[in-house]
Protein backbone atom coordinates (compact mmCIF):
# COMPACT_ATOMS: atom_id res chain seq x y z
CA MET A 1 29.06 -42.36 145.14
CA LYS A 2 30.69 -41.66 148.51
CA GLN A 3 34.10 -40.09 147.98
CA SER A 4 35.42 -40.17 151.52
CA PHE A 5 34.97 -42.43 154.58
CA THR A 6 33.43 -39.39 156.34
CA ASP A 7 30.57 -39.56 153.89
CA PHE A 8 29.35 -42.90 155.32
CA ALA A 9 26.56 -42.95 157.86
CA VAL A 10 28.69 -44.89 160.35
CA CYS A 11 30.93 -41.75 160.40
CA GLY A 12 28.02 -39.32 160.71
CA GLY A 13 27.29 -38.95 157.02
CA VAL A 14 23.91 -39.05 155.32
CA PRO A 15 22.63 -42.58 154.59
CA GLU A 16 22.48 -43.50 150.92
CA PHE A 17 18.75 -44.48 151.16
CA THR A 18 16.42 -42.65 153.48
CA ALA A 19 13.69 -45.24 152.85
CA PRO A 20 15.31 -48.58 153.62
CA LEU A 21 15.61 -51.32 150.98
CA VAL A 22 14.80 -54.59 152.72
CA VAL A 23 15.57 -58.24 151.76
CA GLY A 24 12.34 -60.12 151.70
CA ARG A 25 10.01 -57.12 151.35
CA PRO A 26 6.58 -58.58 150.31
CA ASN A 27 5.79 -58.26 146.67
CA GLU A 28 2.61 -56.20 146.17
CA LEU A 29 -0.65 -57.92 145.32
CA PRO A 30 -2.65 -56.34 142.40
CA ARG A 31 -5.08 -54.48 144.55
CA GLU A 32 -8.15 -54.53 142.28
CA SER A 33 -7.96 -58.26 141.72
CA PHE A 34 -7.29 -59.01 145.41
CA LEU A 35 -10.18 -56.86 146.62
CA ALA A 36 -12.53 -58.52 144.16
CA LYS A 37 -11.62 -61.92 145.55
CA ILE A 38 -12.06 -60.62 149.11
CA GLU A 39 -15.52 -59.30 148.17
CA ALA A 40 -16.32 -62.80 146.79
CA VAL A 41 -15.28 -64.47 150.06
CA LEU A 42 -17.33 -62.00 152.17
CA ASP A 43 -20.37 -62.44 149.85
CA SER A 44 -20.12 -66.21 150.16
CA GLY A 45 -20.07 -66.15 153.99
CA HIS A 46 -17.56 -69.03 153.84
CA LEU A 47 -14.41 -67.81 155.65
CA THR A 48 -12.60 -71.07 156.44
CA ASN A 49 -13.13 -74.84 156.74
CA GLY A 50 -12.30 -75.78 153.15
CA GLY A 51 -14.28 -73.24 151.17
CA PRO A 52 -14.26 -72.73 147.36
CA MET A 53 -11.33 -70.22 147.40
CA VAL A 54 -9.02 -72.85 149.05
CA ALA A 55 -10.17 -75.48 146.65
CA GLU A 56 -9.38 -73.28 143.60
CA PHE A 57 -6.04 -72.31 145.14
CA GLU A 58 -5.10 -76.03 145.56
CA ARG A 59 -6.29 -76.76 141.97
CA GLN A 60 -4.14 -73.98 140.50
CA ILE A 61 -1.05 -74.88 142.57
CA ALA A 62 -1.33 -78.51 141.49
CA GLU A 63 -1.48 -77.31 137.84
CA TRP A 64 1.52 -75.05 138.34
CA LEU A 65 3.62 -77.80 139.90
CA ASP A 66 2.30 -80.73 137.81
CA VAL A 67 1.46 -82.63 140.92
CA LYS A 68 -1.49 -84.78 141.90
CA HIS A 69 -2.27 -83.53 145.38
CA VAL A 70 -1.96 -80.14 147.09
CA VAL A 71 -3.07 -79.80 150.71
CA ALA A 72 -3.08 -76.08 151.68
CA VAL A 73 -2.38 -75.23 155.30
CA CYS A 74 -1.95 -72.12 157.55
CA ASN A 75 1.80 -71.78 157.28
CA GLY A 76 5.01 -73.46 156.05
CA THR A 77 5.92 -74.92 159.49
CA ALA A 78 2.56 -76.60 159.76
CA ALA A 79 3.19 -77.99 156.21
CA LEU A 80 6.44 -79.47 157.39
CA GLN A 81 5.02 -81.05 160.46
CA ILE A 82 1.93 -82.48 158.78
CA MET A 83 4.04 -83.88 155.93
CA ILE A 84 6.40 -85.47 158.45
CA MET A 85 3.59 -86.93 160.53
CA ALA A 86 1.80 -88.22 157.42
CA CYS A 87 4.91 -90.21 156.50
CA ASN A 88 5.03 -91.89 159.85
CA LEU A 89 8.63 -90.94 160.57
CA SER A 90 10.48 -91.86 163.69
CA GLY A 91 13.95 -91.51 165.24
CA GLU A 92 16.32 -89.31 163.22
CA VAL A 93 15.84 -87.22 160.13
CA ILE A 94 18.81 -85.82 158.17
CA ILE A 95 18.65 -82.20 157.20
CA PRO A 96 21.06 -79.33 156.46
CA SER A 97 21.97 -76.93 159.21
CA MET A 98 22.04 -74.00 156.79
CA THR A 99 18.31 -73.42 156.70
CA PHE A 100 15.69 -71.46 158.50
CA ILE A 101 15.35 -72.80 162.00
CA ALA A 102 11.72 -73.97 161.28
CA THR A 103 13.15 -76.94 159.40
CA ALA A 104 14.85 -78.29 162.46
CA HIS A 105 12.15 -77.12 164.96
CA ALA A 106 9.38 -78.79 162.94
CA LEU A 107 11.09 -82.15 163.64
CA GLN A 108 12.13 -81.54 167.25
CA TRP A 109 8.68 -80.22 168.18
CA ILE A 110 7.03 -83.48 167.35
CA GLY A 111 9.66 -85.74 168.93
CA LEU A 112 12.04 -86.42 166.11
CA THR A 113 15.78 -85.79 166.11
CA PRO A 114 17.25 -83.52 163.41
CA VAL A 115 20.69 -84.70 162.28
CA PHE A 116 22.79 -82.15 160.38
CA ALA A 117 24.67 -83.09 157.23
CA ASP A 118 27.03 -80.82 155.31
CA ILE A 119 26.12 -79.00 152.09
CA ASP A 120 27.50 -78.53 148.58
CA PRO A 121 29.63 -75.38 148.26
CA GLU A 122 27.95 -74.28 145.00
CA THR A 123 24.30 -75.03 145.50
CA HIS A 124 24.22 -74.80 149.36
CA THR A 125 21.98 -77.88 149.43
CA LEU A 126 22.58 -81.26 151.04
CA GLN A 127 25.79 -82.99 150.05
CA PRO A 128 24.88 -86.70 149.38
CA ASP A 129 28.22 -88.13 150.63
CA SER A 130 27.76 -86.23 153.93
CA VAL A 131 24.17 -87.43 154.10
CA GLU A 132 25.31 -91.00 153.71
CA ARG A 133 27.82 -90.67 156.64
CA CYS A 134 24.88 -89.57 158.86
CA ILE A 135 22.64 -92.54 158.19
CA THR A 136 22.16 -94.96 161.12
CA GLN A 137 19.69 -97.61 162.14
CA ARG A 138 17.62 -94.74 163.70
CA THR A 139 17.28 -92.74 160.46
CA SER A 140 13.87 -92.71 158.97
CA ALA A 141 14.13 -89.95 156.33
CA ILE A 142 16.18 -87.42 154.40
CA LEU A 143 14.71 -83.91 154.42
CA GLY A 144 16.47 -81.74 151.86
CA VAL A 145 16.08 -77.97 151.54
CA HIS A 146 15.98 -76.30 148.17
CA LEU A 147 17.84 -73.30 149.50
CA TRP A 148 17.55 -70.01 147.49
CA GLY A 149 15.45 -72.10 145.07
CA ASN A 150 18.50 -74.20 144.14
CA PRO A 151 17.21 -77.79 143.84
CA CYS A 152 18.88 -80.50 145.88
CA ASP A 153 20.74 -83.28 144.15
CA VAL A 154 17.49 -85.19 143.83
CA ASP A 155 18.91 -88.14 141.85
CA GLU A 156 21.67 -88.88 144.35
CA LEU A 157 19.43 -88.42 147.34
CA SER A 158 16.82 -90.61 145.82
CA LEU A 159 19.40 -93.36 145.31
CA LEU A 160 20.46 -93.10 148.98
CA ALA A 161 16.83 -93.13 150.18
CA HIS A 162 16.12 -96.26 148.06
CA GLN A 163 19.24 -98.09 149.19
CA HIS A 164 18.50 -97.42 152.93
CA ASP A 165 14.71 -97.69 152.74
CA LEU A 166 14.20 -94.03 153.78
CA LYS A 167 11.54 -91.50 152.97
CA LEU A 168 12.80 -88.62 150.82
CA LEU A 169 11.12 -85.29 151.65
CA PHE A 170 11.89 -81.74 150.74
CA ASP A 171 11.43 -78.32 152.36
CA ALA A 172 10.51 -76.31 149.31
CA SER A 173 9.97 -72.99 151.06
CA HIS A 174 12.20 -71.17 148.64
CA GLY A 175 11.34 -73.27 145.59
CA PHE A 176 8.03 -72.10 144.08
CA GLY A 177 8.54 -71.46 140.33
CA CYS A 178 11.89 -73.34 140.31
CA SER A 179 12.72 -76.64 138.70
CA TYR A 180 15.07 -79.61 138.83
CA GLY A 181 15.93 -79.94 135.17
CA MET A 182 12.48 -80.01 133.50
CA ARG A 183 10.68 -81.21 136.66
CA PRO A 184 9.03 -78.47 138.84
CA ILE A 185 10.12 -78.31 142.52
CA GLY A 186 7.06 -79.74 144.20
CA SER A 187 6.93 -82.90 142.16
CA LEU A 188 9.98 -84.50 143.80
CA GLY A 189 10.56 -87.18 146.40
CA ASP A 190 7.71 -88.62 148.49
CA ALA A 191 6.31 -85.17 149.31
CA GLU A 192 7.39 -81.53 149.51
CA ALA A 193 6.40 -78.70 151.81
CA PHE A 194 5.95 -75.12 150.70
CA SER A 195 5.84 -71.88 152.61
CA PHE A 196 3.61 -69.09 151.24
CA HIS A 197 4.77 -66.55 153.73
CA ALA A 198 4.71 -62.92 152.70
CA THR A 199 8.49 -62.94 151.90
CA LYS A 200 8.13 -65.60 149.21
CA VAL A 201 7.93 -65.14 145.47
CA MET A 202 4.36 -66.48 145.65
CA HIS A 203 2.60 -65.72 148.88
CA SER A 204 -0.78 -65.95 150.60
CA VAL A 205 0.39 -63.48 153.31
CA GLU A 206 0.66 -66.53 155.61
CA GLY A 207 0.23 -70.04 154.30
CA GLY A 208 1.78 -73.24 153.17
CA ALA A 209 1.06 -76.56 151.46
CA VAL A 210 2.04 -80.16 151.33
CA VAL A 211 2.34 -81.38 147.76
CA THR A 212 2.70 -85.05 146.70
CA ASN A 213 1.77 -87.63 144.14
CA ASN A 214 1.19 -90.19 146.89
CA ASP A 215 -2.53 -90.82 147.53
CA THR A 216 -1.98 -92.13 151.05
CA ILE A 217 0.23 -89.26 152.19
CA ALA A 218 -2.18 -86.64 150.75
CA GLU A 219 -5.21 -88.28 152.51
CA ARG A 220 -3.41 -88.35 155.86
CA CYS A 221 -2.44 -84.68 155.41
CA ARG A 222 -6.01 -83.67 154.75
CA LEU A 223 -7.12 -85.45 157.86
CA MET A 224 -4.39 -83.94 160.03
CA ARG A 225 -4.94 -80.34 159.07
CA ASN A 226 -8.53 -80.56 160.43
CA PHE A 227 -8.15 -82.44 163.76
CA GLY A 228 -8.50 -85.85 162.06
CA ILE A 229 -12.23 -85.25 161.54
CA THR A 230 -14.23 -86.94 158.85
CA GLY A 231 -17.77 -85.94 158.00
CA LEU A 232 -19.23 -83.62 160.69
CA THR A 233 -17.88 -85.10 163.92
CA GLN A 234 -16.26 -88.45 163.32
CA ILE A 235 -12.62 -88.62 164.55
CA GLU A 236 -10.56 -90.94 162.45
CA SER A 237 -6.96 -90.00 163.43
CA LEU A 238 -4.75 -87.50 165.32
CA GLY A 239 -4.75 -83.99 163.90
CA ILE A 240 -4.46 -80.32 164.59
CA ASN A 241 -6.05 -77.09 163.27
CA ALA A 242 -3.79 -76.17 160.25
CA LYS A 243 -6.46 -75.06 157.76
CA MET A 244 -5.81 -72.29 155.36
CA SER A 245 -8.49 -69.54 155.48
CA GLU A 246 -10.47 -68.37 152.41
CA LEU A 247 -8.85 -64.91 152.76
CA SER A 248 -5.38 -66.39 152.62
CA ALA A 249 -6.35 -68.40 149.57
CA ALA A 250 -7.67 -65.23 147.94
CA ALA A 251 -4.26 -63.61 148.53
CA GLY A 252 -2.56 -66.67 147.12
CA LEU A 253 -4.64 -66.81 143.98
CA THR A 254 -3.90 -63.08 143.40
CA SER A 255 -0.23 -63.62 143.98
CA LEU A 256 -0.16 -66.40 141.44
CA GLU A 257 -1.19 -63.93 138.77
CA THR A 258 2.05 -61.99 139.22
CA VAL A 259 4.55 -64.94 139.48
CA PRO A 260 5.76 -65.08 135.79
CA GLN A 261 6.34 -61.33 135.68
CA LEU A 262 8.03 -61.34 139.03
CA ILE A 263 10.38 -64.25 138.10
CA ARG A 264 11.43 -62.27 134.99
CA HIS A 265 11.98 -59.13 137.11
CA ASN A 266 14.09 -61.09 139.58
CA ALA A 267 16.17 -62.61 136.82
CA ASN A 268 16.85 -59.10 135.41
CA ASN A 269 17.81 -57.85 138.90
CA LEU A 270 20.21 -60.71 139.36
CA ALA A 271 21.87 -59.99 135.94
CA LEU A 272 22.24 -56.36 136.97
CA TYR A 273 23.90 -57.30 140.26
CA GLN A 274 26.24 -59.56 138.42
CA LEU A 275 27.14 -56.89 135.92
CA HIS A 276 27.79 -54.21 138.49
CA LEU A 277 29.56 -56.32 141.13
CA GLN A 278 31.76 -58.50 138.94
CA HIS A 279 34.59 -55.98 139.10
CA ILE A 280 34.59 -55.64 142.91
CA ASN A 281 37.42 -57.87 144.20
CA GLY A 282 36.20 -59.97 147.12
CA LEU A 283 32.53 -60.16 146.15
CA THR A 284 31.00 -63.06 144.19
CA VAL A 285 27.43 -63.34 143.10
CA CYS A 286 26.26 -66.91 143.61
CA LEU A 287 24.45 -67.77 140.43
CA PRO A 288 21.91 -70.58 140.01
CA SER A 289 22.82 -73.52 137.86
CA GLU A 290 22.04 -73.33 134.17
CA LYS A 291 20.70 -76.86 134.30
CA HIS A 292 17.74 -75.77 136.42
CA SER A 293 15.41 -72.81 136.55
CA SER A 294 15.22 -70.38 139.48
CA ASN A 295 12.70 -67.85 140.72
CA GLY A 296 15.51 -65.40 141.57
CA ASN A 297 14.00 -64.49 144.86
CA TYR A 298 17.37 -64.26 146.61
CA VAL A 299 20.50 -62.47 145.59
CA VAL A 300 23.31 -64.31 147.42
CA ILE A 301 26.78 -62.75 147.66
CA ARG A 302 29.92 -64.58 148.85
CA VAL A 303 32.43 -62.29 150.68
CA ASP A 304 36.12 -62.93 150.68
CA GLU A 305 37.30 -60.89 153.63
CA ASN A 306 40.96 -60.96 152.66
CA ARG A 307 40.32 -59.62 149.20
CA PHE A 308 37.61 -57.17 150.12
CA GLY A 309 39.15 -55.78 153.29
CA LEU A 310 36.09 -56.27 155.47
CA SER A 311 34.22 -59.22 156.84
CA ARG A 312 30.69 -60.19 155.86
CA ASP A 313 29.29 -58.95 159.19
CA GLU A 314 31.12 -55.54 158.82
CA ILE A 315 29.73 -55.10 155.28
CA VAL A 316 26.20 -55.94 156.45
CA LEU A 317 26.46 -53.50 159.25
CA ILE A 318 27.63 -50.67 157.00
CA LEU A 319 25.01 -51.40 154.41
CA ARG A 320 22.31 -51.31 157.12
CA THR A 321 23.41 -47.92 158.35
CA GLU A 322 23.13 -46.76 154.67
CA GLY A 323 19.54 -47.92 154.49
CA VAL A 324 20.27 -51.20 152.67
CA PHE A 325 18.96 -53.88 154.99
CA ALA A 326 21.16 -56.76 153.82
CA ARG A 327 20.77 -60.08 155.55
CA ALA A 328 23.13 -62.78 156.86
CA TYR A 329 20.86 -65.88 156.41
CA PHE A 330 21.11 -68.33 158.24
CA SER A 331 23.81 -67.43 160.74
CA PRO A 332 24.71 -68.94 163.19
CA GLY A 333 23.26 -72.14 161.72
CA CYS A 334 20.76 -74.49 163.27
CA HIS A 335 23.51 -76.63 164.78
CA ASN A 336 24.82 -73.65 166.72
CA ALA A 337 21.37 -72.64 168.04
CA PRO A 338 19.35 -74.00 171.03
CA PRO A 339 18.38 -76.68 171.58
CA TYR A 340 20.86 -78.27 169.20
CA ALA A 341 24.15 -76.63 170.05
CA GLY A 342 26.54 -78.82 172.04
CA ASN A 343 24.62 -82.07 171.57
CA PRO A 344 26.72 -84.43 169.39
CA ILE A 345 23.69 -86.44 168.37
CA HIS A 346 22.76 -83.57 166.00
CA THR A 347 26.20 -83.29 164.41
CA PRO A 348 27.74 -86.66 163.70
CA VAL A 349 29.86 -85.29 160.84
CA LYS A 350 31.96 -82.16 160.33
CA LEU A 351 30.04 -79.28 158.74
CA GLN A 352 33.04 -77.60 157.11
CA THR A 353 31.31 -76.13 154.09
CA THR A 354 28.32 -75.03 156.21
CA GLU A 355 30.60 -73.27 158.73
CA GLY A 356 32.42 -71.40 155.97
CA LEU A 357 29.22 -70.31 154.24
CA LEU A 358 27.53 -69.17 157.44
CA THR A 359 30.17 -66.47 157.97
CA THR A 360 30.75 -65.38 154.34
CA ILE A 361 27.45 -65.07 152.51
CA MET A 362 24.95 -62.26 152.55
CA GLN A 363 21.72 -61.40 150.69
CA LEU A 364 20.97 -58.16 148.99
CA PRO A 365 17.44 -56.62 148.28
CA THR A 366 15.62 -57.80 145.17
CA GLY A 367 11.97 -58.39 144.22
CA GLY A 368 9.31 -56.42 142.52
CA THR A 369 9.91 -53.27 144.62
CA VAL A 370 13.63 -53.04 143.72
CA ASN A 371 14.55 -51.30 140.49
CA GLU A 372 17.66 -50.94 138.22
CA LEU A 373 18.64 -47.56 139.62
CA GLU A 374 18.60 -48.86 143.20
CA ILE A 375 20.75 -51.87 142.22
CA LYS A 376 23.23 -49.51 140.58
CA ARG A 377 23.33 -47.34 143.71
CA ILE A 378 23.77 -50.36 145.96
CA SER A 379 26.65 -51.55 143.72
CA GLU A 380 28.29 -48.14 143.77
CA LEU A 381 27.93 -48.11 147.52
CA LEU A 382 29.71 -51.47 147.83
CA THR A 383 32.48 -50.12 145.58
CA SER A 384 32.92 -47.12 147.88
CA ILE A 385 32.84 -49.38 150.92
CA LYS A 386 35.71 -51.43 149.48
CA GLN A 387 37.74 -48.35 148.64
CA GLN A 388 37.32 -47.03 152.16
CA ALA A 389 37.54 -50.44 153.92
CA PRO A 390 40.69 -49.60 156.09
CA HIS A 391 39.08 -46.43 157.45
CA LEU A 392 35.63 -47.99 157.93
CA ARG A 393 37.11 -51.04 159.81
CA GLN A 394 38.96 -48.63 162.15
CA ILE A 395 35.65 -46.85 162.86
CA ILE A 396 33.76 -50.04 163.42
CA GLN A 397 36.43 -51.48 165.71
CA ALA A 398 36.85 -48.27 167.79
CA PRO A 399 36.52 -48.65 171.57
CA ASN A 400 32.96 -48.74 172.96
CA ALA A 401 31.47 -45.78 174.69
CA ASN A 402 28.44 -45.78 177.06
CA ARG A 403 25.78 -45.75 174.31
CA HIS A 404 22.66 -47.89 173.84
CA PRO A 405 23.36 -50.40 171.11
CA LEU A 406 20.17 -49.60 169.21
CA ASP A 407 20.26 -45.84 169.64
CA ASN A 408 18.50 -44.17 166.65
CA SER A 409 21.02 -41.41 166.10
CA ALA A 410 23.82 -40.92 163.56
CA GLY A 411 21.98 -42.31 160.53
CA SER A 412 21.54 -45.71 162.18
CA LYS A 413 17.73 -45.89 162.28
CA THR A 414 17.67 -48.90 159.96
CA LEU A 415 19.28 -51.06 162.57
CA VAL A 416 16.12 -51.30 164.64
CA HIS A 417 13.60 -52.30 162.01
CA GLU A 418 13.73 -56.07 162.46
CA PRO A 419 13.55 -57.13 166.07
CA HIS A 420 13.25 -60.83 165.37
CA SER A 421 15.89 -61.36 162.70
CA THR A 422 18.13 -64.40 162.91
CA ASP A 423 21.28 -62.29 162.74
CA GLN A 424 20.09 -59.68 165.39
CA LEU A 425 22.91 -60.52 167.72
CA VAL A 426 25.53 -59.72 165.14
CA THR A 427 23.80 -56.47 164.31
CA ARG A 428 23.65 -55.45 167.95
CA HIS A 429 27.22 -56.45 168.64
CA LEU A 430 28.58 -54.36 165.84
CA ALA A 431 26.07 -51.56 166.05
CA HIS A 432 27.07 -50.91 169.58
CA ARG A 433 30.65 -50.20 168.52
CA VAL A 434 29.56 -48.14 165.52
CA LEU A 435 27.08 -45.99 167.39
CA SER A 436 29.42 -45.34 170.33
CA THR A 437 32.04 -44.07 167.80
CA THR A 438 29.69 -41.79 165.96
CA ALA A 439 28.71 -40.15 169.26
CA GLN A 440 32.24 -38.93 169.83
């Protein structure tokens, strides 16, 4: 535990963790099982185009989710776009702004208009009253996001969709292994899209899937992922190349073997964070609802700047210099990012809850590679940060010197490990001030 503000890396001290702990670090695949599946793929000579490994992957996912159809594709964004196209949407689609930019881009890229509604302050998912205020004659669908694995208010959104004759779709990228009551996420609405990116609780390194109980939607998705081809050469409809490879399916099948154990591990990690952080005034662990089940893949913390003494961005920066690569998902919000910012068609209602959460929540490392001792050390580090908050803020806000904002000196090497992060600008802005101070 750091006793003085001079012990912190932003003041020239030694970082708490020399090997950075990262939010979203891929969970390891059991190597022996994975390599055996890779050997089977290579022996078969069938690498892509709907081989037996993909077929088995789809079968097991359908069993997991208690859903009729699973259409495996190359990534989660492709899953979103194919699902949207298969539902014949047009005009406007209502989504949250607090989501990964792919949710909005998937719509905009194929000529639809994302319209941002506000979110619930507890679940961080679409707020039905706000959604209703966004509905116009141009609206064709509601696309909810099960953020952090928290299920949307499916019953209320279903009622709205029925009343206004809209499709109800879900971005379930965070939702594998979660449920809405007793119903698995994946079996809800007209269709749902999953991401099986390496950061997810179940991953195929890269991959995704559309899942649905609707025969027509499923058949359209299968055609679209393979150029609209039937048989050998017959073209039946518009399509793209979104097929999942046999190697990705092998990774996915291997990852499935670890999901129950990983969900238990994540639940234990979340309980440990709650235990260790509950006494730190100004930090609140956002817990999943007891009515639903969660995969625990995200540890989400709400920061009260007035009570803690530092803003969310300042805490994230200090943690990163200490080797804890905390995140600030999904700042600044889709509605504040190009090409949506400044265009009122995307924001017909006030996003008051969204704006508040985008500046006050952060995510801490969890997953199979994070253990109890590391969580205890992170919690002690946060306790020390609060105790030294006035001194640390003074250091952070010191006048800039002529120093490159991503200079690797003064214990700040963890600041350069993620060149494509959504909160990179925040990191660079604060890092420039910190690094210039530590050079003095």
